[in-house]
C-alpha atoms as a PDB file:
ATOM      1  CA  MET A   1     -12.597   4.115 -34.542  1.00  0.00           C
ATOM      2  CA  ALA A   2     -14.272   2.682 -37.599  1.00  0.00           C
ATOM      3  CA  THR A   3     -14.469  -1.017 -38.260  1.00  0.00           C
ATOM      4  CA  GLU A   4     -13.934  -2.784 -41.537  1.00  0.00           C
ATOM      5  CA  GLN A   5     -16.918  -4.621 -42.936  1.00  0.00           C
ATOM      6  CA  GLN A   6     -16.284  -8.120 -41.657  1.00  0.00           C
ATOM      7  CA  ASN A   7     -18.082 -10.816 -39.773  1.00  0.00           C
ATOM      8  CA  PHE A   8     -17.868 -11.219 -36.021  1.00  0.00           C
ATOM      9  CA  ASP A   9     -19.274 -13.793 -33.649  1.00  0.00           C
ATOM     10  CA  ILE A  10     -20.475 -11.142 -31.202  1.00  0.00           C
ATOM     11  CA  SER A  11     -21.299  -7.440 -31.402  1.00  0.00           C
ATOM     12  CA  ILE A  12     -21.420  -5.727 -28.002  1.00  0.00           C
ATOM     13  CA  CYS A  13     -23.910  -2.850 -28.345  1.00  0.00           C
ATOM     14  CA  ILE A  14     -23.802   0.133 -25.968  1.00  0.00           C
ATOM     15  CA  ALA A  15     -26.074   3.170 -26.135  1.00  0.00           C
ATOM     16  CA  THR A  16     -24.676   6.081 -24.114  1.00  0.00           C
ATOM     17  CA  PHE A  17     -25.736   9.629 -23.269  1.00  0.00           C
ATOM     18  CA  GLN A  18     -23.506  12.139 -21.443  1.00  0.00           C
ATOM     19  CA  ARG A  19     -21.820   9.570 -19.190  1.00  0.00           C
ATOM     20  CA  PRO A  20     -18.184   9.561 -20.348  1.00  0.00           C
ATOM     21  CA  GLN A  21     -16.685   8.482 -17.022  1.00  0.00           C
ATOM     22  CA  LYS A  22     -19.161   5.657 -16.587  1.00  0.00           C
ATOM     23  CA  LEU A  23     -18.641   4.576 -20.181  1.00  0.00           C
ATOM     24  CA  ALA A  24     -14.882   4.438 -19.591  1.00  0.00           C
ATOM     25  CA  ARG A  25     -15.453   2.212 -16.551  1.00  0.00           C
ATOM     26  CA  LEU A  26     -17.678  -0.113 -18.593  1.00  0.00           C
ATOM     27  CA  LEU A  27     -15.194  -0.335 -21.469  1.00  0.00           C
ATOM     28  CA  HIS A  28     -12.409  -1.215 -19.035  1.00  0.00           C
ATOM     29  CA  SER A  29     -14.452  -4.153 -17.731  1.00  0.00           C
ATOM     30  CA  LEU A  30     -15.355  -5.220 -21.271  1.00  0.00           C
ATOM     31  CA  ALA A  31     -11.693  -5.399 -22.245  1.00  0.00           C
ATOM     32  CA  VAL A  32     -11.208  -8.152 -19.654  1.00  0.00           C
ATOM     33  CA  ALA A  33     -14.428  -9.984 -20.554  1.00  0.00           C
ATOM     34  CA  VAL A  34     -13.604  -9.940 -24.273  1.00  0.00           C
ATOM     35  CA  LYS A  35     -10.106 -11.275 -23.592  1.00  0.00           C
ATOM     36  CA  ASN A  36     -11.598 -14.220 -21.686  1.00  0.00           C
ATOM     37  CA  CYS A  37     -14.019 -15.137 -24.486  1.00  0.00           C
ATOM     38  CA  PRO A  38     -12.829 -17.259 -27.451  1.00  0.00           C
ATOM     39  CA  ALA A  39     -15.228 -15.582 -29.903  1.00  0.00           C
ATOM     40  CA  ALA A  40     -14.449 -12.827 -32.404  1.00  0.00           C
ATOM     41  CA  VAL A  41     -15.884  -9.647 -30.872  1.00  0.00           C
ATOM     42  CA  GLU A  42     -16.595  -6.079 -31.908  1.00  0.00           C
ATOM     43  CA  ILE A  43     -17.740  -3.276 -29.606  1.00  0.00           C
ATOM     44  CA  ILE A  44     -20.240  -0.705 -30.885  1.00  0.00           C
ATOM     45  CA  VAL A  45     -20.713   2.525 -28.937  1.00  0.00           C
ATOM     46  CA  VAL A  46     -23.655   4.660 -30.038  1.00  0.00           C
ATOM     47  CA  ASP A  47     -23.417   8.187 -28.656  1.00  0.00           C
ATOM     48  CA  ASN A  48     -26.919   9.632 -28.295  1.00  0.00           C
ATOM     49  CA  ASP A  49     -25.436  13.049 -27.575  1.00  0.00           C
ATOM     50  CA  SER A  50     -25.165  15.351 -30.612  1.00  0.00           C
ATOM     51  CA  ARG A  51     -22.217  17.046 -28.873  1.00  0.00           C
ATOM     52  CA  LYS A  52     -20.298  13.732 -28.999  1.00  0.00           C
ATOM     53  CA  SER A  53     -19.470  13.623 -25.297  1.00  0.00           C
ATOM     54  CA  ALA A  54     -18.323   9.987 -25.593  1.00  0.00           C
ATOM     55  CA  ALA A  55     -15.913  10.525 -28.493  1.00  0.00           C
ATOM     56  CA  GLN A  56     -12.764  11.092 -26.454  1.00  0.00           C
ATOM     57  CA  VAL A  57     -13.421   8.114 -24.175  1.00  0.00           C
ATOM     58  CA  VAL A  58     -13.841   5.771 -27.136  1.00  0.00           C
ATOM     59  CA  ALA A  59     -10.788   7.219 -28.914  1.00  0.00           C
ATOM     60  CA  GLN A  60      -8.631   6.572 -25.853  1.00  0.00           C
ATOM     61  CA  PHE A  61      -9.958   3.058 -25.300  1.00  0.00           C
ATOM     62  CA  GLY A  62      -7.605   0.332 -26.376  1.00  0.00           C
ATOM     63  CA  CYS A  63      -8.526  -3.327 -26.619  1.00  0.00           C
ATOM     64  CA  ASN A  64      -6.302  -5.788 -28.428  1.00  0.00           C
ATOM     65  CA  HIS A  65      -9.036  -8.405 -28.602  1.00  0.00           C
ATOM     66  CA  SER A  66     -11.820  -6.474 -30.321  1.00  0.00           C
ATOM     67  CA  THR A  67     -12.605  -3.828 -32.907  1.00  0.00           C
ATOM     68  CA  VAL A  68     -14.508  -0.711 -31.846  1.00  0.00           C
ATOM     69  CA  GLN A  69     -17.102   1.291 -33.752  1.00  0.00           C
ATOM     70  CA  TYR A  70     -18.076   4.773 -32.592  1.00  0.00           C
ATOM     71  CA  LEU A  71     -21.407   6.008 -33.949  1.00  0.00           C
ATOM     72  CA  VAL A  72     -23.475   9.125 -33.252  1.00  0.00           C
ATOM     73  CA  GLU A  73     -27.260   9.228 -33.141  1.00  0.00           C
ATOM     74  CA  PRO A  74     -28.058  12.957 -32.769  1.00  0.00           C
ATOM     75  CA  ARG A  75     -31.795  12.424 -32.203  1.00  0.00           C
ATOM     76  CA  GLN A  76     -32.250  12.093 -28.465  1.00  0.00           C
ATOM     77  CA  ASN A  77     -34.132   8.823 -28.346  1.00  0.00           C
ATOM     78  CA  ILE A  78     -32.768   5.661 -26.779  1.00  0.00           C
ATOM     79  CA  SER A  79     -34.671   3.447 -29.223  1.00  0.00           C
ATOM     80  CA  HIS A  80     -33.073   5.219 -32.205  1.00  0.00           C
ATOM     81  CA  ALA A  81     -29.659   4.783 -30.565  1.00  0.00           C
ATOM     82  CA  ARG A  82     -30.193   1.071 -29.981  1.00  0.00           C
ATOM     83  CA  ASN A  83     -31.509   0.580 -33.515  1.00  0.00           C
ATOM     84  CA  LEU A  84     -28.472   2.313 -35.013  1.00  0.00           C
ATOM     85  CA  GLY A  85     -26.182  -0.043 -33.118  1.00  0.00           C
ATOM     86  CA  VAL A  86     -28.172  -3.066 -34.272  1.00  0.00           C
ATOM     87  CA  SER A  87     -28.199  -1.904 -37.894  1.00  0.00           C
ATOM     88  CA  ARG A  88     -24.419  -1.424 -37.972  1.00  0.00           C
ATOM     89  CA  ALA A  89     -23.523  -4.574 -36.051  1.00  0.00           C
ATOM     90  CA  ASN A  90     -21.684  -7.320 -37.924  1.00  0.00           C
ATOM     91  CA  GLY A  91     -22.007 -10.079 -35.334  1.00  0.00           C
ATOM     92  CA  LYS A  92     -24.178 -13.164 -35.338  1.00  0.00           C
ATOM     93  CA  TRP A  93     -25.021 -12.391 -31.714  1.00  0.00           C
ATOM     94  CA  PHE A  94     -25.696  -9.019 -30.105  1.00  0.00           C
ATOM     95  CA  ALA A  95     -24.673  -8.500 -26.475  1.00  0.00           C
ATOM     96  CA  PHE A  96     -26.345  -5.526 -24.786  1.00  0.00           C
ATOM     97  CA  VAL A  97     -25.147  -3.729 -21.668  1.00  0.00           C
ATOM     98  CA  ASP A  98     -25.964  -0.276 -20.241  1.00  0.00           C
ATOM     99  CA  ASP A  99     -23.385   2.475 -19.900  1.00  0.00           C
ATOM    100  CA  ASP A 100     -23.775   2.707 -16.108  1.00  0.00           C
ATOM    101  CA  GLU A 101     -22.849  -0.947 -15.623  1.00  0.00           C
ATOM    102  CA  ILE A 102     -19.717  -3.076 -15.600  1.00  0.00           C
ATOM    103  CA  VAL A 103     -19.540  -6.741 -16.564  1.00  0.00           C
ATOM    104  CA  ALA A 104     -18.050  -9.691 -14.701  1.00  0.00           C
ATOM    105  CA  GLU A 105     -14.858 -11.172 -16.101  1.00  0.00           C
ATOM    106  CA  ASN A 106     -16.664 -14.298 -17.345  1.00  0.00           C
ATOM    107  CA  TRP A 107     -19.776 -12.434 -18.552  1.00  0.00           C
ATOM    108  CA  LEU A 108     -19.296 -12.823 -22.292  1.00  0.00           C
ATOM    109  CA  GLN A 109     -17.784 -16.296 -22.091  1.00  0.00           C
ATOM    110  CA  SER A 110     -20.711 -17.476 -19.971  1.00  0.00           C
ATOM    111  CA  PHE A 111     -23.224 -16.389 -22.609  1.00  0.00           C
ATOM    112  CA  TRP A 112     -21.084 -17.794 -25.436  1.00  0.00           C
ATOM    113  CA  LEU A 113     -20.745 -21.259 -23.901  1.00  0.00           C
ATOM    114  CA  PHE A 114     -24.333 -21.362 -22.639  1.00  0.00           C
ATOM    115  CA  LYS A 115     -25.801 -20.769 -26.087  1.00  0.00           C
ATOM    116  CA  ILE A 116     -23.923 -23.858 -27.304  1.00  0.00           C
ATOM    117  CA  SER A 117     -25.342 -26.113 -24.593  1.00  0.00           C
ATOM    118  CA  ARG A 118     -28.836 -24.556 -24.515  1.00  0.00           C
ATOM    119  CA  PRO A 119     -29.779 -23.259 -28.003  1.00  0.00           C
ATOM    120  CA  ALA A 120     -32.281 -20.384 -27.952  1.00  0.00           C
ATOM    121  CA  ASP A 121     -32.990 -17.039 -29.590  1.00  0.00           C
ATOM    122  CA  GLY A 122     -31.553 -15.069 -26.722  1.00  0.00           C
ATOM    123  CA  TYR A 123     -30.435 -15.016 -23.109  1.00  0.00           C
ATOM    124  CA  PHE A 124     -30.655 -12.655 -20.151  1.00  0.00           C
ATOM    125  CA  GLY A 125     -28.661 -12.440 -16.947  1.00  0.00           C
ATOM    126  CA  PRO A 126     -28.782 -10.715 -13.535  1.00  0.00           C
ATOM    127  CA  VAL A 127     -27.985  -7.040 -12.988  1.00  0.00           C
ATOM    128  CA  LEU A 128     -26.785  -6.558  -9.404  1.00  0.00           C
ATOM    129  CA  PRO A 129     -26.814  -3.149  -7.662  1.00  0.00           C
ATOM    130  CA  ARG A 130     -23.650  -1.361  -6.516  1.00  0.00           C
ATOM    131  CA  LEU A 131     -23.484   2.035  -4.802  1.00  0.00           C
ATOM    132  CA  GLU A 132     -20.848   4.527  -5.892  1.00  0.00           C
ATOM    133  CA  GLN A 133     -20.890   6.348  -2.534  1.00  0.00           C
ATOM    134  CA  VAL A 134     -22.017   5.755   1.026  1.00  0.00           C
ATOM    135  CA  ALA A 135     -25.812   5.902   1.164  1.00  0.00           C
ATOM    136  CA  PRO A 136     -28.040   7.207   3.979  1.00  0.00           C
ATOM    137  CA  VAL A 137     -28.406   4.827   6.914  1.00  0.00           C
ATOM    138  CA  TRP A 138     -32.025   3.991   6.004  1.00  0.00           C
ATOM    139  CA  PHE A 139     -31.118   3.068   2.445  1.00  0.00           C
ATOM    140  CA  ASP A 140     -31.164  -0.608   1.398  1.00  0.00           C
ATOM    141  CA  ALA A 141     -29.920  -1.164  -2.161  1.00  0.00           C
ATOM    142  CA  GLU A 142     -30.977  -4.810  -2.194  1.00  0.00           C
ATOM    143  CA  LEU A 143     -34.564  -3.825  -1.378  1.00  0.00           C
ATOM    144  CA  PHE A 144     -34.961  -0.689  -3.474  1.00  0.00           C
ATOM    145  CA  PHE A 145     -33.118  -1.893  -6.587  1.00  0.00           C
ATOM    146  CA  PHE A 146     -34.303  -5.490  -6.465  1.00  0.00           C
ATOM    147  CA  ARG A 147     -34.690  -7.312  -9.768  1.00  0.00           C
ATOM    148  CA  PRO A 148     -35.924 -10.909  -9.951  1.00  0.00           C
ATOM    149  CA  ARG A 149     -33.389 -13.694 -10.519  1.00  0.00           C
ATOM    150  CA  PHE A 150     -34.235 -17.112 -11.878  1.00  0.00           C
ATOM    151  CA  THR A 151     -32.819 -20.583 -12.142  1.00  0.00           C
ATOM    152  CA  THR A 152     -30.459 -20.961 -15.075  1.00  0.00           C
ATOM    153  CA  GLY A 153     -32.383 -22.257 -18.087  1.00  0.00           C
ATOM    154  CA  LYS A 154     -35.777 -20.792 -17.133  1.00  0.00           C
ATOM    155  CA  ARG A 155     -37.727 -19.569 -20.155  1.00  0.00           C
ATOM    156  CA  LEU A 156     -38.713 -15.905 -19.928  1.00  0.00           C
ATOM    157  CA  GLN A 157     -41.876 -14.235 -21.202  1.00  0.00           C
ATOM    158  CA  GLU A 158     -41.721 -10.747 -19.644  1.00  0.00           C
ATOM    159  CA  LYS A 159     -39.611  -8.113 -17.853  1.00  0.00           C
ATOM    160  CA  MET A 160     -36.642  -8.518 -20.197  1.00  0.00           C
ATOM    161  CA  ARG A 161     -34.329  -5.563 -20.844  1.00  0.00           C
ATOM    162  CA  THR A 162     -31.111  -4.619 -22.616  1.00  0.00           C
ATOM    163  CA  GLY A 163     -29.224  -4.128 -19.347  1.00  0.00           C
ATOM    164  CA  ASN A 164     -27.774  -7.619 -19.662  1.00  0.00           C
ATOM    165  CA  ALA A 165     -28.797  -9.490 -22.800  1.00  0.00           C
ATOM    166  CA  PHE A 166     -27.314 -11.776 -25.460  1.00  0.00           C
ATOM    167  CA  ILE A 167     -29.561 -11.981 -28.517  1.00  0.00           C
ATOM    168  CA  SER A 168     -29.359 -13.662 -31.926  1.00  0.00           C
ATOM    169  CA  HIS A 169     -29.218 -11.190 -34.806  1.00  0.00           C
ATOM    170  CA  GLN A 170     -32.191 -13.004 -36.358  1.00  0.00           C
ATOM    171  CA  VAL A 171     -34.459 -11.685 -33.599  1.00  0.00           C
ATOM    172  CA  PHE A 172     -34.112  -8.222 -35.175  1.00  0.00           C
ATOM    173  CA  SER A 173     -34.770  -9.303 -38.763  1.00  0.00           C
ATOM    174  CA  LYS A 174     -38.421  -8.155 -38.808  1.00  0.00           C
ATOM    175  CA  GLN A 175     -38.731  -5.785 -35.858  1.00  0.00           C
ATOM    176  CA  LYS A 176     -36.667  -3.142 -34.064  1.00  0.00           C
ATOM    177  CA  PHE A 177     -37.018  -1.102 -30.878  1.00  0.00           C
ATOM    178  CA  ASP A 178     -40.032   1.197 -31.085  1.00  0.00           C
ATOM    179  CA  PRO A 179     -39.056   4.918 -31.084  1.00  0.00           C
ATOM    180  CA  LYS A 180     -42.282   5.876 -29.310  1.00  0.00           C
ATOM    181  CA  PHE A 181     -40.653   4.520 -26.124  1.00  0.00           C
ATOM    182  CA  GLY A 182     -37.455   6.446 -26.824  1.00  0.00           C
ATOM    183  CA  LEU A 183     -37.928   9.093 -24.117  1.00  0.00           C
ATOM    184  CA  SER A 184     -40.158   7.261 -21.653  1.00  0.00           C
ATOM    185  CA  GLY A 185     -38.238   3.990 -21.426  1.00  0.00           C
ATOM    186  CA  GLY A 186     -39.642   0.479 -21.597  1.00  0.00           C
ATOM    187  CA  GLY A 187     -39.017  -0.008 -25.319  1.00  0.00           C
ATOM    188  CA  ASP A 188     -36.609  -2.885 -24.738  1.00  0.00           C
ATOM    189  CA  THR A 189     -39.135  -4.691 -22.529  1.00  0.00           C
ATOM    190  CA  ALA A 190     -41.900  -4.156 -25.091  1.00  0.00           C
ATOM    191  CA  PHE A 191     -39.692  -5.438 -27.904  1.00  0.00           C
ATOM    192  CA  PHE A 192     -38.564  -8.638 -26.192  1.00  0.00           C
ATOM    193  CA  GLU A 193     -42.034  -9.449 -24.876  1.00  0.00           C
ATOM    194  CA  SER A 194     -43.443  -9.017 -28.373  1.00  0.00           C
ATOM    195  CA  ARG A 195     -40.825 -11.343 -29.818  1.00  0.00           C
ATOM    196  CA  ALA A 196     -41.475 -13.917 -27.062  1.00  0.00           C
ATOM    197  CA  GLN A 197     -45.208 -13.836 -27.791  1.00  0.00           C
ATOM    198  CA  ASN A 198     -44.395 -14.529 -31.423  1.00  0.00           C
ATOM    199  CA  GLY A 199     -42.425 -17.669 -30.616  1.00  0.00           C
ATOM    200  CA  ALA A 200     -38.912 -16.469 -29.740  1.00  0.00           C
ATOM    201  CA  CYS A 201     -37.265 -18.510 -27.003  1.00  0.00           C
ATOM    202  CA  PHE A 202     -35.422 -16.489 -24.337  1.00  0.00           C
ATOM    203  CA  LEU A 203     -33.628 -18.227 -21.469  1.00  0.00           C
ATOM    204  CA  TRP A 204     -32.119 -17.036 -18.196  1.00  0.00           C
ATOM    205  CA  ASN A 205     -28.390 -17.480 -17.528  1.00  0.00           C
ATOM    206  CA  ASP A 206     -27.684 -16.687 -13.887  1.00  0.00           C
ATOM    207  CA  GLU A 207     -23.917 -17.005 -14.382  1.00  0.00           C
ATOM    208  CA  ALA A 208     -23.652 -14.037 -16.788  1.00  0.00           C
ATOM    209  CA  VAL A 209     -23.543 -11.183 -14.273  1.00  0.00           C
ATOM    210  CA  THR A 210     -23.373  -7.416 -14.687  1.00  0.00           C
ATOM    211  CA  TYR A 211     -23.283  -4.741 -11.985  1.00  0.00           C
ATOM    212  CA  GLU A 212     -25.203  -1.461 -12.172  1.00  0.00           C
ATOM    213  CA  PHE A 213     -23.708   1.481 -10.277  1.00  0.00           C
ATOM    214  CA  TYR A 214     -25.988   3.954  -8.540  1.00  0.00           C
ATOM    215  CA  PRO A 215     -24.644   7.447  -7.735  1.00  0.00           C
ATOM    216  CA  LEU A 216     -25.600   9.326  -4.589  1.00  0.00           C
ATOM    217  CA  GLU A 217     -28.464  11.217  -6.259  1.00  0.00           C
ATOM    218  CA  ARG A 218     -30.186   7.894  -6.929  1.00  0.00           C
ATOM    219  CA  THR A 219     -30.382   7.192  -3.210  1.00  0.00           C
ATOM    220  CA  LYS A 220     -32.667  10.197  -2.688  1.00  0.00           C
ATOM    221  CA  MET A 221     -36.411   9.818  -2.280  1.00  0.00           C
ATOM    222  CA  LYS A 222     -37.245  12.084  -5.228  1.00  0.00           C
ATOM    223  CA  TRP A 223     -35.342   9.893  -7.683  1.00  0.00           C
ATOM    224  CA  LEU A 224     -36.676   6.659  -6.188  1.00  0.00           C
ATOM    225  CA  ILE A 225     -40.268   7.889  -6.371  1.00  0.00           C
ATOM    226  CA  GLN A 226     -39.828   8.905 -10.006  1.00  0.00           C
ATOM    227  CA  ARG A 227     -38.234   5.566 -10.913  1.00  0.00           C
ATOM    228  CA  TYR A 228     -40.944   3.450  -9.261  1.00  0.00           C
ATOM    229  CA  PHE A 229     -43.691   5.580 -10.796  1.00  0.00           C
ATOM    230  CA  ARG A 230     -42.106   5.288 -14.259  1.00  0.00           C
ATOM    231  CA  SER A 231     -41.692   1.524 -13.865  1.00  0.00           C
ATOM    232  CA  GLY A 232     -45.374   1.054 -13.082  1.00  0.00           C
ATOM    233  CA  LEU A 233     -46.401   3.408 -15.869  1.00  0.00           C
ATOM    234  CA  ALA A 234     -44.253   1.688 -18.509  1.00  0.00           C
ATOM    235  CA  TYR A 235     -45.193  -1.834 -17.411  1.00  0.00           C
ATOM    236  CA  SER A 236     -48.949  -1.215 -17.631  1.00  0.00           C
ATOM    237  CA  LYS A 237     -48.766   0.891 -20.798  1.00  0.00           C
ATOM    238  CA  ILE A 238     -47.116  -1.984 -22.631  1.00  0.00           C
ATOM    239  CA  ARG A 239     -49.936  -4.314 -21.613  1.00  0.00           C
ATOM    240  CA  ILE A 240     -52.769  -1.891 -22.322  1.00  0.00           C
ATOM    241  CA  GLN A 241     -51.423  -1.295 -25.830  1.00  0.00           C
ATOM    242  CA  LYS A 242     -51.922  -4.957 -26.670  1.00  0.00           C
ATOM    243  CA  ASN A 243     -55.581  -4.163 -27.471  1.00  0.00           C
ATOM    244  CA  ARG A 244     -56.961  -6.027 -24.475  1.00  0.00           C
ATOM    245  CA  ARG A 245     -59.648  -3.545 -23.446  1.00  0.00           C
ATOM    246  CA  TRP A 246     -60.562  -5.395 -20.279  1.00  0.00           C
ATOM    247  CA  LEU A 247     -57.021  -4.959 -18.962  1.00  0.00           C
ATOM    248  CA  ARG A 248     -57.438  -1.245 -18.239  1.00  0.00           C
ATOM    249  CA  ALA A 249     -60.238  -1.846 -15.725  1.00  0.00           C
ATOM    250  CA  LYS A 250     -58.408  -4.800 -14.191  1.00  0.00           C
ATOM    251  CA  ILE A 251     -55.161  -2.857 -13.741  1.00  0.00           C
ATOM    252  CA  LEU A 252     -57.004   0.126 -12.255  1.00  0.00           C
ATOM    253  CA  SER A 253     -58.994  -1.884  -9.730  1.00  0.00           C
ATOM    254  CA  LYS A 254     -56.030  -4.026  -8.698  1.00  0.00           C
ATOM    255  CA  ALA A 255     -53.787  -0.979  -8.196  1.00  0.00           C
ATOM    256  CA  CYS A 256     -56.382   0.699  -5.962  1.00  0.00           C
ATOM    257  CA  ILE A 257     -56.716  -2.430  -3.809  1.00  0.00           C
ATOM    258  CA  VAL A 258     -52.942  -2.788  -3.479  1.00  0.00           C
ATOM    259  CA  ILE A 259     -52.552   0.894  -2.518  1.00  0.00           C
ATOM    260  CA  LEU A 260     -55.152   0.454   0.221  1.00  0.00           C
ATOM    261  CA  PHE A 261     -53.312  -2.576   1.597  1.00  0.00           C
ATOM    262  CA  LEU A 262     -49.945  -0.770   1.456  1.00  0.00           C
ATOM    263  CA  LEU A 263     -51.361   2.244   3.291  1.00  0.00           C
ATOM    264  CA  LEU A 264     -52.877   0.067   6.022  1.00  0.00           C
ATOM    265  CA  SER A 265     -49.569  -1.760   6.542  1.00  0.00           C
ATOM    266  CA  LEU A 266     -47.367   1.342   6.338  1.00  0.00           C
ATOM    267  CA  MET A 267     -46.872   1.899  10.072  1.00  0.00           C
ATOM    268  CA  PHE A 268     -46.169  -1.800  10.604  1.00  0.00           C
ATOM    269  CA  ARG A 269     -43.481  -1.725   7.904  1.00  0.00           C
ATOM    270  CA  PHE A 270     -41.822   1.334   9.436  1.00  0.00           C
ATOM    271  CA  ALA A 271     -41.857  -0.462  12.788  1.00  0.00           C
ATOM    272  CA  GLN A 272     -39.968  -3.338  11.154  1.00  0.00           C
ATOM    273  CA  SER A 273     -37.326  -1.008   9.737  1.00  0.00           C
ATOM    274  CA  PRO A 274     -37.090   2.414   8.059  1.00  0.00           C
ATOM    275  CA  ALA A 275     -36.072   0.733   4.790  1.00  0.00           C
ATOM    276  CA  ARG A 276     -39.183  -1.457   4.694  1.00  0.00           C
ATOM    277  CA  GLY A 277     -41.361   1.534   5.421  1.00  0.00           C
ATOM    278  CA  VAL A 278     -39.783   3.459   2.559  1.00  0.00           C
ATOM    279  CA  LEU A 279     -40.236   0.431   0.326  1.00  0.00           C
ATOM    280  CA  ASN A 280     -43.962   0.491   1.063  1.00  0.00           C
ATOM    281  CA  ILE A 281     -44.092   4.143  -0.033  1.00  0.00           C
ATOM    282  CA  LEU A 282     -42.221   3.297  -3.230  1.00  0.00           C
ATOM    283  CA  ARG A 283     -44.582   0.424  -3.955  1.00  0.00           C
ATOM    284  CA  ILE A 284     -47.468   2.874  -3.642  1.00  0.00           C
ATOM    285  CA  CYS A 285     -45.727   5.035  -6.258  1.00  0.00           C
ATOM    286  CA  LEU A 286     -45.447   1.958  -8.469  1.00  0.00           C
ATOM    287  CA  GLN A 287     -49.193   1.414  -8.236  1.00  0.00           C
ATOM    288  CA  VAL A 288     -49.836   5.096  -8.982  1.00  0.00           C
ATOM    289  CA  GLY A 289     -47.821   4.525 -12.150  1.00  0.00           C
ATOM    290  CA  HIS A 290     -50.131   1.653 -13.080  1.00  0.00           C
ATOM    291  CA  ILE A 291     -53.116   3.939 -12.558  1.00  0.00           C
ATOM    292  CA  ALA A 292     -51.511   6.714 -14.641  1.00  0.00           C
ATOM    293  CA  ALA A 293     -51.129   4.276 -17.529  1.00  0.00           C
ATOM    294  CA  CYS A 294     -54.869   3.648 -17.461  1.00  0.00           C
ATOM    295  CA  PHE A 295     -55.377   7.361 -18.168  1.00  0.00           C
ATOM    296  CA  ASN A 296     -52.708   7.525 -20.894  1.00  0.00           C
ATOM    297  CA  LEU A 297     -50.378   9.796 -18.924  1.00  0.00           C
ATOM    298  CA  ASN A 298     -46.709  10.062 -19.931  1.00  0.00           C
ATOM    299  CA  TYR A 299     -43.388  10.400 -18.118  1.00  0.00           C
ATOM    300  CA  TYR A 300     -40.235  10.982 -20.159  1.00  0.00           C
ATOM    301  CA  GLU A 301     -37.349   9.576 -18.149  1.00  0.00           C
ATOM    302  CA  TYR A 302     -34.763  10.041 -20.906  1.00  0.00           C
ATOM    303  CA  LYS A 303     -35.707  13.592 -21.890  1.00  0.00           C
ATOM    304  CA  ASN A 304     -32.797  16.003 -21.533  1.00  0.00           C
ATOM    305  CA  ASN A 305     -33.941  19.058 -19.658  1.00  0.00           C
ATOM    306  CA  SER A 306     -30.599  20.899 -19.798  1.00  0.00           C
END
């Protein structure tokens, strides 16, 4: 559904790739959140699948309180998809949410009212884990999918992502998401950290909640190991690329020390609980990712191997 060229208060930007059922679930939750928000809202869905797997879902979606744009970015690259959504957005504020999430009923309203009381360039909120199916008995979603939460109003400098964000359009006036992160991930974190270092003010809003759903395959060790490794790799690569040459040696030495400590405490953690023992293994994988970044290795999380 195309939108007329008009001004909106908020543009909700969604990049999606071959997840039509999850996208439908997200859009259903957005319909409620948009209804509860007094602002003028448009929804922009950017399909990063050249086969247009999201087209039917968007065509069937009906929301009386917003206009919907459906766009296709055929180049498989999440940064290109996000940039297309930003370039076609007509809102003064851009709200970002991932296609495997849903939003709380007051999500959009919470951001909208908070930006009035606490002016800033952007805001971020918590993403809480939810399992789609029953997980193995040793699995602990709160441990394995933990993301830090902060007091409302805290200023952020790092670890910001598009999973739950509300950003002024002016933040994108001189810089966009870097396509070189388009297959590896981490481009959103790199972008927001760069803007923060250049004076942008980003605040935490703990009331604006989204929920990320994890399917059964994401409760398996193989996927968890890959995710922790990629997280460490992306985190350290971003920092090494800031031309601080001394960082490479510091990251490498620190990761080796942490791995040694984690190995020595591994049996103790398993004695506490299977979940804590597994968490120690995953933290080792995180440190291996840090080490891999020091040697310029790559891991392409968003590459389609089908």
